[in-house]
């Protein structure tokens, strides 16, 4: 009894471990990732808050100097900021349109910015004494000069010149602007020098090293999760391929056992395939989400590291200033990846409405076909919207972009008229319902099941497993074996000395039994029609019958009919030979 309890307890532990491995590991990884991400964000915000607090204490009037909204707009006046290590000090102004031959580098504004920033960098590089640093001014008729000096080697180093135009765009007098800039510039120079000290750089290096370790750990966890999702994706893909392979083949006759255990319901198979494709699209979207999360983590970490060092802080500011563009790109990418999930969801929900209608057996393949083609349209539309949004963020006129796209489209239509023909032919095929995904069609030069379809090409899978991609403009004549209803001819041969009337009567009897059968009756639309004697030879008499059934079931019905006919002919001791006439081999 104790052994039995021990075994039961061990089995319970195994089941709990399996449950944990299957259902809990993903949640644990999620909690770890988002906990670490939250820790990073909180830590980053803490350091930023401390830095901003010290800057605020050093200069309370900085906002009045550096914010663009406080500037007074003046016609024909342009302005640009002066920065130290990516941090803005104030803005200088100049009259617009003074470039030499349209070269913006020769404009007075850009020349001033380069000169002043070089002076500030040179002052920091001279290693001044922060305790004795003093900024002095020299007022002239149309400008105020600012110099830097200390008690050691720095003697009246020229920094910047403040003009009346600079004061005018700030909306204050030149004297008030000079007083504001001097206080903030002194603090900025001291801070820039302190950030270049060895102890400060060492601390920042250790913080950056810790960030990299955290990023590596998160990358490892995300990669494990991605591999797990990829295995699930490959498993679903294998199930879809097996479902496609299991479609009915009519080049060989199945026996009764195969018919009862492997009856092919292609419409059900299509719906199951669409459900698996939806799971596959969900898996693909989640893996894309993990990839984007991976990218965001590393991008955030790199931006944080760049801000830790004065020489690379300009790159951090540049990347942060374009965060909206990155957000648009990532959002568009995720929307494109998630659109197939929504399209498949609408297609699957439409089955519930179509299955209860008399024409549902045809509308379901149509819904599947439209869902496949709609995916491409939605992806293209989302991509165009994202691209226009990006152009708008860079202040590019949408009208100009649309005009350019129109010109490109016109050029492509002239050079790629075959592509336009393919798309138009694909639209007509869908609207006229010539065929749909899952139909068995004959295009004279090839025959097979429609495995996939877009506005440009149709893909057929033949009996040998060969996949043929055919441009829609090359499709002129289509023979659809699985639309609305289907029929198949049976050639039955009996010996010359057999009772032909009895054989024909038995054929009609089997046809009526099949029509009234509970399992096969709904697949047979009409009883078999005996077309009469087709040929007579020295040993055999051949007569033909025609059977009508629902689409995609004509071969199964014919096989079941042949099986039952064989049983009753053997019972009556009539030797016969039956052949299913079909072009599909």
Protein backbone atom coordinates (compact mmCIF):
# COMPACT_ATOMS: atom_id res chain seq x y z
CA UNK A 1 0.00 0.00 0.00
CA UNK A 2 2.85 2.39 0.79
CA UNK A 3 4.54 1.53 -2.50
CA UNK A 4 1.29 2.26 -4.32
CA UNK A 5 0.98 5.62 -2.53
CA UNK A 6 4.59 6.44 -3.38
CA UNK A 7 4.03 5.61 -7.04
CA UNK A 8 0.83 7.64 -7.14
CA UNK A 9 2.57 10.57 -5.47
CA UNK A 10 5.43 10.29 -7.97
CA UNK A 11 3.00 10.24 -10.88
CA UNK A 12 1.28 13.29 -9.45
CA UNK A 13 4.61 15.11 -9.28
CA UNK A 14 5.35 14.17 -12.88
CA UNK A 15 1.97 15.49 -13.98
CA UNK A 16 2.54 18.71 -12.04
CA UNK A 17 5.96 19.11 -13.63
CA UNK A 18 4.50 18.55 -17.11
CA UNK A 19 1.80 21.07 -16.37
CA UNK A 20 4.41 23.51 -15.14
CA UNK A 21 6.57 23.01 -18.21
CA UNK A 22 3.68 23.40 -20.61
CA UNK A 23 1.68 26.25 -19.14
CA UNK A 24 3.77 28.12 -16.59
CA UNK A 25 7.15 28.62 -18.23
CA UNK A 26 5.87 31.21 -20.69
CA UNK A 27 4.19 33.19 -17.90
CA UNK A 28 7.33 33.10 -15.76
CA UNK A 29 9.46 34.32 -18.67
CA UNK A 30 6.94 37.09 -19.30
CA UNK A 31 7.06 38.21 -15.67
CA UNK A 32 10.88 38.16 -15.63
CA UNK A 33 11.16 40.15 -18.86
CA UNK A 34 8.70 42.83 -17.90
CA UNK A 35 10.09 43.03 -14.35
CA UNK A 36 13.58 43.63 -15.65
CA UNK A 37 12.28 46.09 -18.21
CA UNK A 38 10.42 47.97 -15.48
CA UNK A 39 13.58 47.99 -13.38
CA UNK A 40 15.54 49.47 -16.26
CA UNK A 41 12.97 52.15 -16.93
CA UNK A 42 12.69 53.10 -13.24
CA UNK A 43 16.47 53.24 -12.84
CA UNK A 44 16.83 55.29 -16.00
CA UNK A 45 14.14 57.74 -14.91
CA UNK A 46 15.80 58.03 -11.50
CA UNK A 47 19.15 59.00 -13.01
CA UNK A 48 17.47 61.41 -15.38
CA UNK A 49 15.49 62.94 -12.53
CA UNK A 50 18.65 63.42 -10.44
CA UNK A 51 20.42 65.04 -13.36
CA UNK A 52 17.51 67.29 -14.14
CA UNK A 53 17.21 68.31 -10.48
CA UNK A 54 20.84 69.39 -10.30
CA UNK A 55 20.50 71.33 -13.52
CA UNK A 56 17.37 73.03 -12.24
CA UNK A 57 19.10 74.06 -9.01
CA UNK A 58 22.00 75.45 -10.97
CA UNK A 59 19.86 77.58 -13.24
CA UNK A 60 16.19 78.33 -12.65
CA UNK A 61 15.81 80.49 -15.75
CA UNK A 62 16.96 77.94 -18.34
CA UNK A 63 13.48 77.37 -19.76
CA UNK A 64 13.12 81.01 -20.66
CA UNK A 65 16.32 80.79 -22.68
CA UNK A 66 16.14 77.47 -24.48
CA UNK A 67 12.52 76.67 -25.23
CA UNK A 68 11.44 77.40 -28.81
CA UNK A 69 7.85 78.41 -27.90
CA UNK A 70 9.23 81.40 -25.98
CA UNK A 71 10.89 82.74 -29.11
CA UNK A 72 9.25 85.57 -31.01
CA UNK A 73 8.73 84.60 -34.69
CA UNK A 74 10.13 87.19 -37.09
CA UNK A 75 9.94 87.07 -40.85
CA UNK A 76 13.22 86.42 -42.72
CA UNK A 77 14.93 85.48 -39.45
CA UNK A 78 16.35 82.01 -38.82
CA UNK A 79 17.85 80.68 -35.61
CA UNK A 80 19.80 77.65 -34.42
CA UNK A 81 20.86 76.33 -30.99
CA UNK A 82 24.32 76.39 -29.47
CA UNK A 83 25.04 73.09 -27.69
CA UNK A 84 27.59 71.62 -25.30
CA UNK A 85 27.68 67.80 -25.35
CA UNK A 86 24.26 67.78 -26.96
CA UNK A 87 22.71 70.07 -24.33
CA UNK A 88 21.30 73.32 -25.63
CA UNK A 89 22.53 76.60 -24.09
CA UNK A 90 20.74 79.24 -26.14
CA UNK A 91 19.84 80.11 -29.72
CA UNK A 92 21.54 82.51 -32.08
CA UNK A 93 19.78 84.23 -34.99
CA UNK A 94 20.65 85.60 -38.40
CA UNK A 95 18.97 87.00 -41.47
CA UNK A 96 17.83 84.30 -43.88
CA UNK A 97 19.05 84.00 -47.46
CA UNK A 98 22.67 85.09 -47.00
CA UNK A 99 24.26 81.84 -48.20
CA UNK A 100 26.90 81.87 -50.90
CA UNK A 101 25.53 80.14 -54.05
CA UNK A 102 22.86 78.35 -51.99
CA UNK A 103 25.43 76.54 -49.80
CA UNK A 104 23.96 76.35 -46.28
CA UNK A 105 27.41 75.81 -44.74
CA UNK A 106 28.41 79.33 -45.78
CA UNK A 107 25.44 81.03 -44.12
CA UNK A 108 26.30 83.45 -41.27
CA UNK A 109 24.12 81.46 -38.89
CA UNK A 110 25.97 78.15 -39.43
CA UNK A 111 29.32 79.92 -39.30
CA UNK A 112 28.42 81.44 -35.93
CA UNK A 113 27.22 78.10 -34.54
CA UNK A 114 30.41 76.28 -35.57
CA UNK A 115 32.62 79.07 -34.21
CA UNK A 116 30.90 79.29 -30.83
CA UNK A 117 30.72 75.53 -30.30
CA UNK A 118 34.41 75.17 -31.19
CA UNK A 119 35.26 77.92 -28.69
CA UNK A 120 33.31 76.14 -25.95
CA UNK A 121 34.96 72.78 -26.76
CA UNK A 122 38.40 74.41 -26.72
CA UNK A 123 37.67 75.98 -23.34
CA UNK A 124 36.67 72.62 -21.89
CA UNK A 125 39.72 70.98 -23.41
CA UNK A 126 42.02 73.55 -21.71
CA UNK A 127 41.13 72.04 -18.29
CA UNK A 128 40.19 75.27 -16.55
CA UNK A 129 39.91 75.62 -12.78
CA UNK A 130 36.22 75.21 -11.94
CA UNK A 131 36.55 77.04 -8.62
CA UNK A 132 37.98 80.21 -10.14
CA UNK A 133 36.19 80.13 -13.52
CA UNK A 134 34.74 83.53 -14.33
CA UNK A 135 32.80 84.74 -17.33
CA UNK A 136 33.18 88.40 -18.27
CA UNK A 137 31.41 90.51 -20.87
CA UNK A 138 32.44 93.31 -23.17
CA UNK A 139 29.60 95.45 -24.48
CA UNK A 140 29.90 96.99 -27.91
CA UNK A 141 27.54 98.97 -30.09
CA UNK A 142 25.71 96.07 -31.74
CA UNK A 143 26.83 93.01 -29.78
CA UNK A 144 28.03 91.76 -26.40
CA UNK A 145 31.13 89.54 -26.23
CA UNK A 146 31.52 86.84 -23.57
CA UNK A 147 35.00 85.76 -22.37
CA UNK A 148 36.16 83.01 -19.97
CA UNK A 149 39.13 83.15 -17.57
CA UNK A 150 40.39 81.53 -14.40
CA UNK A 151 43.20 81.94 -11.89
CA UNK A 152 45.54 79.66 -13.83
CA UNK A 153 46.20 79.39 -17.58
CA UNK A 154 42.83 80.41 -19.05
CA UNK A 155 43.01 84.11 -19.89
CA UNK A 156 40.10 85.88 -21.58
CA UNK A 157 39.16 83.03 -23.87
CA UNK A 158 36.52 84.32 -26.32
CA UNK A 159 33.33 82.22 -26.19
CA UNK A 160 30.32 83.82 -27.88
CA UNK A 161 28.87 87.06 -29.11
CA UNK A 162 25.27 88.05 -28.36
CA UNK A 163 23.60 90.35 -30.89
CA UNK A 164 20.46 92.45 -30.82
CA UNK A 165 18.89 89.96 -33.22
CA UNK A 166 19.49 87.16 -30.70
CA UNK A 167 17.77 89.19 -27.99
CA UNK A 168 14.93 90.11 -30.35
CA UNK A 169 13.91 86.49 -31.04
CA UNK A 170 13.93 85.80 -27.27
CA UNK A 171 11.72 88.82 -26.66
CA UNK A 172 14.02 90.44 -24.08
CA UNK A 173 16.80 92.99 -24.06
CA UNK A 174 20.39 92.11 -24.97
CA UNK A 175 21.52 92.86 -21.42
CA UNK A 176 18.94 90.56 -19.82
CA UNK A 177 19.70 87.79 -22.29
CA UNK A 178 23.42 88.11 -21.60
CA UNK A 179 22.89 87.80 -17.83
CA UNK A 180 20.78 84.69 -18.29
CA UNK A 181 23.22 83.03 -20.68
CA UNK A 182 26.31 83.75 -18.54
CA UNK A 183 24.89 81.97 -15.49
CA UNK A 184 23.78 78.93 -17.42
CA UNK A 185 26.91 78.76 -19.58
CA UNK A 186 29.19 78.72 -16.54
CA UNK A 187 27.26 75.81 -15.04
CA UNK A 188 27.31 73.99 -18.39
CA UNK A 189 31.09 74.38 -18.74
CA UNK A 190 31.71 73.11 -15.20
CA UNK A 191 29.37 70.16 -15.73
CA UNK A 192 31.02 69.29 -19.06
CA UNK A 193 34.46 69.32 -17.45
CA UNK A 194 33.26 67.20 -14.51
CA UNK A 195 31.80 64.60 -16.88
CA UNK A 196 35.23 64.21 -18.48
CA UNK A 197 36.94 63.28 -15.23
CA UNK A 198 38.25 59.73 -14.86
CA UNK A 199 36.17 58.82 -11.79
CA UNK A 200 32.94 59.99 -13.48
CA UNK A 201 33.73 58.05 -16.68
CA UNK A 202 34.57 54.94 -14.64
CA UNK A 203 31.20 55.04 -12.85
CA UNK A 204 29.40 55.48 -16.14
CA UNK A 205 31.39 52.63 -17.64
CA UNK A 206 30.34 50.30 -14.82
CA UNK A 207 26.69 51.33 -15.26
CA UNK A 208 26.96 50.68 -19.01
CA UNK A 209 28.49 47.29 -18.35
CA UNK A 210 25.59 46.41 -16.05
CA UNK A 211 23.11 47.50 -18.72
CA UNK A 212 24.80 45.25 -21.28
CA UNK A 213 24.65 42.27 -18.90
CA UNK A 214 20.93 42.82 -18.33
CA UNK A 215 20.36 43.11 -22.09
CA UNK A 216 22.23 39.86 -22.71
CA UNK A 217 20.13 38.08 -20.08
CA UNK A 218 16.89 39.41 -21.58
CA UNK A 219 18.07 38.48 -25.08
CA UNK A 220 18.75 34.94 -23.92
CA UNK A 221 15.27 34.60 -22.42
CA UNK A 222 13.61 36.07 -25.52
CA UNK A 223 15.59 33.74 -27.80
CA UNK A 224 14.40 30.72 -25.80
CA UNK A 225 10.82 31.92 -26.13
CA UNK A 226 11.27 32.51 -29.86
CA UNK A 227 12.60 28.97 -30.38
CA UNK A 228 9.62 27.56 -28.50
CA UNK A 229 7.21 29.54 -30.69
CA UNK A 230 9.12 28.51 -33.82
CA UNK A 231 8.72 24.82 -32.95
CA UNK A 232 4.96 25.34 -32.55
CA UNK A 233 4.89 27.16 -35.91
CA UNK A 234 6.71 24.30 -37.64
CA UNK A 235 4.34 21.77 -36.07
CA UNK A 236 1.30 23.67 -37.39
CA UNK A 237 2.97 23.95 -40.80
CA UNK A 238 3.48 20.21 -40.89
CA UNK A 239 -0.20 19.64 -40.06
CA UNK A 240 -1.23 21.96 -42.91
CA UNK A 241 1.03 20.13 -45.36
CA UNK A 242 -0.37 16.77 -44.25
CA UNK A 243 -3.89 18.10 -44.76
CA UNK A 244 -3.04 19.19 -48.30
CA UNK A 245 -1.49 15.81 -49.10
CA UNK A 246 -4.63 14.02 -47.86
CA UNK A 247 -6.82 15.50 -50.59
CA UNK A 248 -8.57 12.88 -52.75
CA UNK A 249 -6.61 11.17 -55.48
CA UNK A 250 -8.63 9.41 -58.18
CA UNK A 251 -5.92 7.62 -60.09
CA UNK A 252 -6.37 4.53 -57.92
CA UNK A 253 -9.47 2.72 -56.58
CA UNK A 254 -9.93 2.57 -52.81
CA UNK A 255 -11.39 -0.46 -51.13
CA UNK A 256 -14.32 -0.30 -48.71
CA UNK A 257 -12.21 -0.12 -45.57
CA UNK A 258 -10.34 2.91 -46.90
CA UNK A 259 -13.59 4.58 -47.83
CA UNK A 260 -15.02 4.16 -44.35
CA UNK A 261 -11.91 5.29 -42.50
CA UNK A 262 -10.53 7.97 -44.80
CA UNK A 263 -13.47 9.78 -46.37
CA UNK A 264 -12.27 13.14 -47.61
CA UNK A 265 -14.39 16.15 -46.80
CA UNK A 266 -12.52 18.89 -48.62
CA UNK A 267 -14.69 21.74 -47.35
CA UNK A 268 -14.10 20.66 -43.76
CA UNK A 269 -10.43 20.30 -44.60
CA UNK A 270 -10.32 23.84 -45.93
CA UNK A 271 -11.92 25.21 -42.78
CA UNK A 272 -9.51 23.25 -40.63
CA UNK A 273 -6.64 24.53 -42.75
CA UNK A 274 -7.85 28.10 -42.28
CA UNK A 275 -8.07 27.61 -38.51
CA UNK A 276 -4.52 26.26 -38.47
CA UNK A 277 -3.41 29.16 -40.64
CA UNK A 278 -4.96 31.51 -38.09
CA UNK A 279 -2.98 29.81 -35.32
CA UNK A 280 0.09 30.05 -37.54
CA UNK A 281 -0.50 33.76 -38.15
CA UNK A 282 -0.96 34.33 -34.41
CA UNK A 283 2.29 32.51 -33.79
CA UNK A 284 4.03 34.56 -36.47
CA UNK A 285 2.65 37.80 -35.01
CA UNK A 286 3.80 36.86 -31.49
CA UNK A 287 7.28 35.97 -32.76
CA UNK A 288 7.39 39.33 -34.56
CA UNK A 289 6.33 40.99 -31.30
CA UNK A 290 9.21 39.25 -29.53
CA UNK A 291 11.61 40.40 -32.25
CA UNK A 292 10.37 43.97 -31.89
CA UNK A 293 10.66 43.73 -28.10
CA UNK A 294 14.20 42.44 -28.53
CA UNK A 295 15.02 45.38 -30.80
CA UNK A 296 13.41 47.92 -28.45
CA UNK A 297 15.33 46.55 -25.48
CA UNK A 298 18.68 46.87 -27.23
CA UNK A 299 17.82 50.24 -28.73
CA UNK A 300 16.76 51.57 -25.31
CA UNK A 301 19.90 50.16 -23.72
CA UNK A 302 22.14 51.68 -26.39
CA UNK A 303 20.43 55.06 -26.06
CA UNK A 304 20.92 54.91 -22.30
CA UNK A 305 24.59 54.01 -22.69
CA UNK A 306 25.16 56.79 -25.22
CA UNK A 307 23.74 59.31 -22.74
CA UNK A 308 26.23 58.23 -20.08
CA UNK A 309 29.22 59.73 -21.92
CA UNK A 310 29.56 63.37 -23.03
CA UNK A 311 31.17 62.57 -26.39
CA UNK A 312 28.28 60.33 -27.49
CA UNK A 313 25.38 62.24 -25.96
CA UNK A 314 24.64 64.00 -29.24
CA UNK A 315 23.85 60.63 -30.80
CA UNK A 316 21.46 59.83 -27.94
CA UNK A 317 19.63 63.12 -28.51
CA UNK A 318 19.47 62.42 -32.25
CA UNK A 319 17.93 58.98 -31.71
CA UNK A 320 15.46 60.24 -29.12
CA UNK A 321 14.38 63.06 -31.43
CA UNK A 322 13.38 60.42 -34.02
CA UNK A 323 11.51 58.17 -31.59
CA UNK A 324 8.22 58.97 -33.36
CA UNK A 325 9.63 57.62 -36.63
CA UNK A 326 10.78 54.43 -34.90
CA UNK A 327 7.35 54.08 -33.30
CA UNK A 328 5.60 54.44 -36.66
CA UNK A 329 7.88 51.85 -38.28
CA UNK A 330 7.45 49.35 -35.46
CA UNK A 331 3.68 49.96 -35.25
CA UNK A 332 3.27 49.50 -39.01
CA UNK A 333 5.35 46.32 -38.93
CA UNK A 334 3.26 44.83 -36.13
CA UNK A 335 0.03 45.90 -37.83
CA UNK A 336 1.11 44.17 -41.06
CA UNK A 337 2.01 41.02 -39.14
CA UNK A 338 -1.28 41.07 -37.23
CA UNK A 339 -3.55 41.77 -40.20
CA UNK A 340 -3.68 38.10 -41.39
CA UNK A 341 -5.00 37.11 -37.95
CA UNK A 342 -7.91 39.53 -38.24
CA UNK A 343 -8.67 38.52 -41.85
CA UNK A 344 -8.75 34.83 -40.92
CA UNK A 345 -10.92 35.64 -37.90
CA UNK A 346 -13.53 37.28 -40.13
CA UNK A 347 -13.35 34.38 -42.60
CA UNK A 348 -13.85 31.75 -39.89
CA UNK A 349 -16.77 33.65 -38.38
CA UNK A 350 -18.41 33.83 -41.80
CA UNK A 351 -18.54 30.00 -41.87
CA UNK A 352 -21.22 29.96 -39.17
CA UNK A 353 -23.50 32.03 -41.38
CA UNK A 354 -22.66 30.29 -44.66
CA UNK A 355 -22.93 26.70 -43.41
CA UNK A 356 -26.68 27.06 -42.78
CA UNK A 357 -27.40 28.30 -46.30
CA UNK A 358 -28.15 26.15 -49.32
CA UNK A 359 -25.27 27.61 -51.32
CA UNK A 360 -22.83 27.41 -48.41
CA UNK A 361 -20.82 24.61 -50.03
CA UNK A 362 -19.72 27.13 -52.68
CA UNK A 363 -19.54 30.28 -50.60
CA UNK A 364 -17.14 28.74 -48.11
CA UNK A 365 -14.34 28.21 -50.70
CA UNK A 366 -15.06 31.73 -51.97
CA UNK A 367 -14.66 33.14 -48.46
CA UNK A 368 -11.37 31.30 -48.07
CA UNK A 369 -10.12 32.60 -51.43
CA UNK A 370 -11.09 36.18 -50.66
CA UNK A 371 -9.41 35.94 -47.26
CA UNK A 372 -6.14 34.90 -48.92
CA UNK A 373 -6.25 37.77 -51.43
CA UNK A 374 -7.48 40.27 -48.84
CA UNK A 375 -4.38 39.66 -46.73
CA UNK A 376 -2.16 41.13 -49.44
CA UNK A 377 -4.44 44.16 -49.90
CA UNK A 378 -4.52 44.91 -46.17
CA UNK A 379 -0.75 44.55 -45.83
CA UNK A 380 -0.15 46.87 -48.80
CA UNK A 381 -2.60 49.45 -47.44
CA UNK A 382 -1.03 49.43 -43.97
CA UNK A 383 2.43 49.79 -45.50
CA UNK A 384 1.33 52.82 -47.55
CA UNK A 385 -0.29 54.44 -44.51
CA UNK A 386 2.87 53.93 -42.45
CA UNK A 387 5.04 55.36 -45.24
CA UNK A 388 2.84 58.45 -45.61
CA UNK A 389 2.89 58.93 -41.85
CA UNK A 390 6.69 58.85 -41.84
CA UNK A 391 6.87 61.41 -44.65
CA UNK A 392 4.44 63.63 -42.77
CA UNK A 393 6.64 63.41 -39.67
CA UNK A 394 9.57 64.72 -41.78
CA UNK A 395 7.34 67.62 -42.92
CA UNK A 396 7.14 66.28 -46.47
CA UNK A 397 3.94 67.26 -48.24
CA UNK A 398 1.52 64.35 -48.66
CA UNK A 399 0.43 65.81 -52.00
CA UNK A 400 3.97 65.62 -53.33
CA UNK A 401 4.32 62.02 -52.11
CA UNK A 402 1.03 60.97 -53.71
CA UNK A 403 2.02 62.72 -56.94
CA UNK A 404 5.32 60.86 -56.94
CA UNK A 405 3.59 57.56 -56.31
CA UNK A 406 1.20 58.29 -59.17
CA UNK A 407 4.09 58.93 -61.53
CA UNK A 408 5.83 55.75 -60.40
CA UNK A 409 2.62 53.75 -60.84
CA UNK A 410 2.15 55.15 -64.35
CA UNK A 411 5.74 54.28 -65.24
CA UNK A 412 5.36 50.75 -63.85
CA UNK A 413 2.09 50.28 -65.75
CA UNK A 414 3.86 51.18 -69.01
CA UNK A 415 6.84 48.93 -68.41
CA UNK A 416 4.98 46.13 -66.61
CA UNK A 417 1.76 45.81 -68.60
CA UNK A 418 1.82 42.05 -68.02
CA UNK A 419 1.64 42.67 -64.27
CA UNK A 420 -1.39 44.92 -64.75
CA UNK A 421 -3.03 42.25 -66.93
CA UNK A 422 -2.38 39.62 -64.25
CA UNK A 423 -4.00 41.76 -61.55
CA UNK A 424 -7.04 42.61 -63.66
CA UNK A 425 -7.48 38.94 -64.62
CA UNK A 426 -7.20 37.92 -60.95
CA UNK A 427 -9.90 40.41 -59.95
CA UNK A 428 -12.24 39.11 -62.67
CA UNK A 429 -11.61 35.49 -61.66
CA UNK A 430 -12.60 36.29 -58.09
CA UNK A 431 -15.64 38.38 -58.98
CA UNK A 432 -16.94 35.82 -61.51
CA UNK A 433 -16.16 32.91 -59.17
CA UNK A 434 -14.46 30.92 -61.91
CA UNK A 435 -12.67 28.89 -59.24
CA UNK A 436 -11.61 29.14 -55.60
CA UNK A 437 -9.00 27.68 -53.28
CA UNK A 438 -9.57 23.92 -52.97
CA UNK A 439 -11.23 23.52 -56.39
CA UNK A 440 -9.96 20.94 -58.85
CA UNK A 441 -9.53 22.71 -62.18
CA UNK A 442 -8.23 21.84 -65.65
CA UNK A 443 -6.41 24.54 -67.60
CA UNK A 444 -5.78 22.27 -70.64
CA UNK A 445 -2.02 22.36 -70.10
CA UNK A 446 -2.15 21.42 -66.40
CA UNK A 447 -4.64 20.10 -63.89
CA UNK A 448 -4.71 20.04 -60.11
CA UNK A 449 -6.07 21.51 -56.92
CA UNK A 450 -5.96 25.28 -56.40
CA UNK A 451 -3.64 25.51 -53.41
CA UNK A 452 -3.27 29.28 -53.27
CA UNK A 453 -4.36 32.31 -55.22
CA UNK A 454 -3.58 36.01 -55.38
CA UNK A 455 -4.40 38.84 -57.74
CA UNK A 456 -1.31 37.98 -59.79
CA UNK A 457 -0.85 34.19 -59.84
CA UNK A 458 -2.72 30.95 -59.23
CA UNK A 459 -0.89 27.98 -57.71
CA UNK A 460 -1.95 24.42 -58.63
CA UNK A 461 -0.83 21.18 -56.97
CA UNK A 462 -1.04 18.22 -59.31
CA UNK A 463 -1.30 14.52 -58.48
CA UNK A 464 2.47 14.14 -58.45
CA UNK A 465 2.86 16.86 -55.84
CA UNK A 466 4.26 19.38 -58.31
CA UNK A 467 3.31 22.99 -57.56
CA UNK A 468 2.65 25.11 -60.66
CA UNK A 469 2.44 28.92 -60.46
CA UNK A 470 0.46 30.33 -63.37
CA UNK A 471 0.03 34.07 -64.09
CA UNK A 472 -3.66 34.92 -64.13
CA UNK A 473 -3.40 36.60 -67.53
CA UNK A 474 -2.33 33.26 -69.07
CA UNK A 475 -5.54 31.54 -67.91
CA UNK A 476 -8.03 31.59 -70.77
CA UNK A 477 -10.12 28.40 -70.42
CA UNK A 478 -10.95 26.87 -67.04
CA UNK A 479 -12.62 23.50 -66.47
CA UNK A 480 -13.84 23.34 -62.87
CA UNK A 481 -14.58 19.81 -61.61
CA UNK A 482 -15.80 20.91 -58.18
CA UNK A 483 -18.21 23.79 -58.68
CA UNK A 484 -21.99 23.61 -58.04
CA UNK A 485 -22.35 19.92 -58.93
CA UNK A 486 -20.22 17.16 -60.45
CA UNK A 487 -20.74 14.01 -62.47
CA UNK A 488 -18.63 11.03 -63.42
CA UNK A 489 -18.96 8.26 -66.00
CA UNK A 490 -18.57 4.56 -65.26
CA UNK A 491 -17.80 2.07 -68.03
CA UNK A 492 -19.08 -1.38 -67.03
CA UNK A 493 -18.14 -4.47 -69.05
CA UNK A 494 -19.84 -7.87 -68.65
CA UNK A 495 -19.29 -11.12 -70.47
CA UNK A 496 -21.06 -11.60 -73.78
CA UNK A 497 -23.05 -14.57 -72.47
CA UNK A 498 -24.25 -12.67 -69.36
CA UNK A 499 -27.87 -11.57 -68.95
CA UNK A 500 -27.58 -7.90 -69.92
CA UNK A 501 -31.08 -7.01 -68.68
CA UNK A 502 -30.31 -8.50 -65.28
CA UNK A 503 -27.00 -6.60 -65.13
CA UNK A 504 -28.70 -3.30 -65.95
CA UNK A 505 -31.41 -4.00 -63.37
CA UNK A 506 -28.76 -4.71 -60.72
CA UNK A 507 -26.99 -1.46 -61.60
CA UNK A 508 -30.22 0.51 -61.09
CA UNK A 509 -30.84 -1.35 -57.83
CA UNK A 510 -27.40 -0.43 -56.48
CA UNK A 511 -27.88 3.18 -57.60
CA UNK A 512 -31.22 3.43 -55.76
CA UNK A 513 -29.72 1.86 -52.61
CA UNK A 514 -26.88 4.37 -52.71
CA UNK A 515 -29.32 7.24 -53.20
CA UNK A 516 -31.42 6.14 -50.20
CA UNK A 517 -28.42 5.35 -47.98
CA UNK A 518 -28.23 7.42 -44.79
CA UNK A 519 -24.50 8.02 -45.17
CA UNK A 520 -24.24 8.51 -48.93
CA UNK A 521 -27.70 9.83 -49.84
CA UNK A 522 -26.88 13.49 -49.18
CA UNK A 523 -23.87 13.23 -51.51
CA UNK A 524 -25.80 11.79 -54.46
CA UNK A 525 -27.88 14.41 -56.26
CA UNK A 526 -29.56 12.01 -58.70
CA UNK A 527 -29.77 8.29 -59.30
CA UNK A 528 -27.34 6.82 -61.79
CA UNK A 529 -28.50 7.09 -65.39
CA UNK A 530 -27.85 4.13 -67.69
CA UNK A 531 -26.79 5.62 -70.99
CA UNK A 532 -27.10 2.32 -72.83
CA UNK A 533 -24.78 -0.08 -74.58
CA UNK A 534 -21.62 1.66 -75.62
CA UNK A 535 -19.83 -1.15 -77.49
CA UNK A 536 -19.97 -4.90 -78.17
CA UNK A 537 -16.95 -7.11 -78.79
CA UNK A 538 -16.49 -10.84 -79.28
CA UNK A 539 -16.20 -11.41 -75.54
CA UNK A 540 -17.70 -8.39 -73.75
CA UNK A 541 -20.55 -5.94 -73.75
CA UNK A 542 -19.83 -2.44 -72.49
CA UNK A 543 -22.49 -0.05 -71.25
CA UNK A 544 -22.07 3.33 -69.57
CA UNK A 545 -23.76 4.94 -66.59
CA UNK A 546 -23.47 8.54 -65.34
CA UNK A 547 -23.63 9.64 -61.71
CA UNK A 548 -24.29 13.14 -60.39
CA UNK A 549 -23.10 14.24 -56.94
CA UNK A 550 -22.16 17.25 -54.89
CA UNK A 551 -18.80 18.85 -55.73
CA UNK A 552 -15.59 17.08 -54.68
CA UNK A 553 -17.45 13.85 -53.82
CA UNK A 554 -17.97 12.36 -57.28
CA UNK A 555 -14.96 10.05 -57.03
CA UNK A 556 -15.83 8.80 -53.56
CA UNK A 557 -19.41 8.15 -54.68
CA UNK A 558 -18.17 6.28 -57.75
CA UNK A 559 -15.83 4.13 -55.66
CA UNK A 560 -18.56 3.26 -53.20
CA UNK A 561 -20.87 2.42 -56.12
CA UNK A 562 -18.24 0.13 -57.66
CA UNK A 563 -17.69 -1.62 -54.35
CA UNK A 564 -21.40 -2.34 -53.86
CA UNK A 565 -21.82 -3.35 -57.49
CA UNK A 566 -18.99 -5.84 -57.12
CA UNK A 567 -20.62 -7.41 -54.09
CA UNK A 568 -24.00 -7.92 -55.77
CA UNK A 569 -22.49 -9.11 -59.09
CA UNK A 570 -20.40 -11.68 -57.24
CA UNK A 571 -23.56 -12.83 -55.45
CA UNK A 572 -25.33 -13.27 -58.81
CA UNK A 573 -22.19 -14.81 -60.36
CA UNK A 574 -21.84 -12.13 -63.03
CA UNK A 575 -18.30 -11.36 -64.10
CA UNK A 576 -17.75 -7.69 -64.84
CA UNK A 577 -15.17 -4.96 -65.15
CA UNK A 578 -15.82 -1.34 -64.10
CA UNK A 579 -13.70 1.66 -65.08
CA UNK A 580 -14.04 5.20 -63.76
CA UNK A 581 -13.66 7.59 -66.68
CA UNK A 582 -11.80 10.73 -65.65
CA UNK A 583 -9.26 13.04 -67.21
CA UNK A 584 -7.52 13.54 -63.90
CA UNK A 585 -4.71 10.99 -63.60
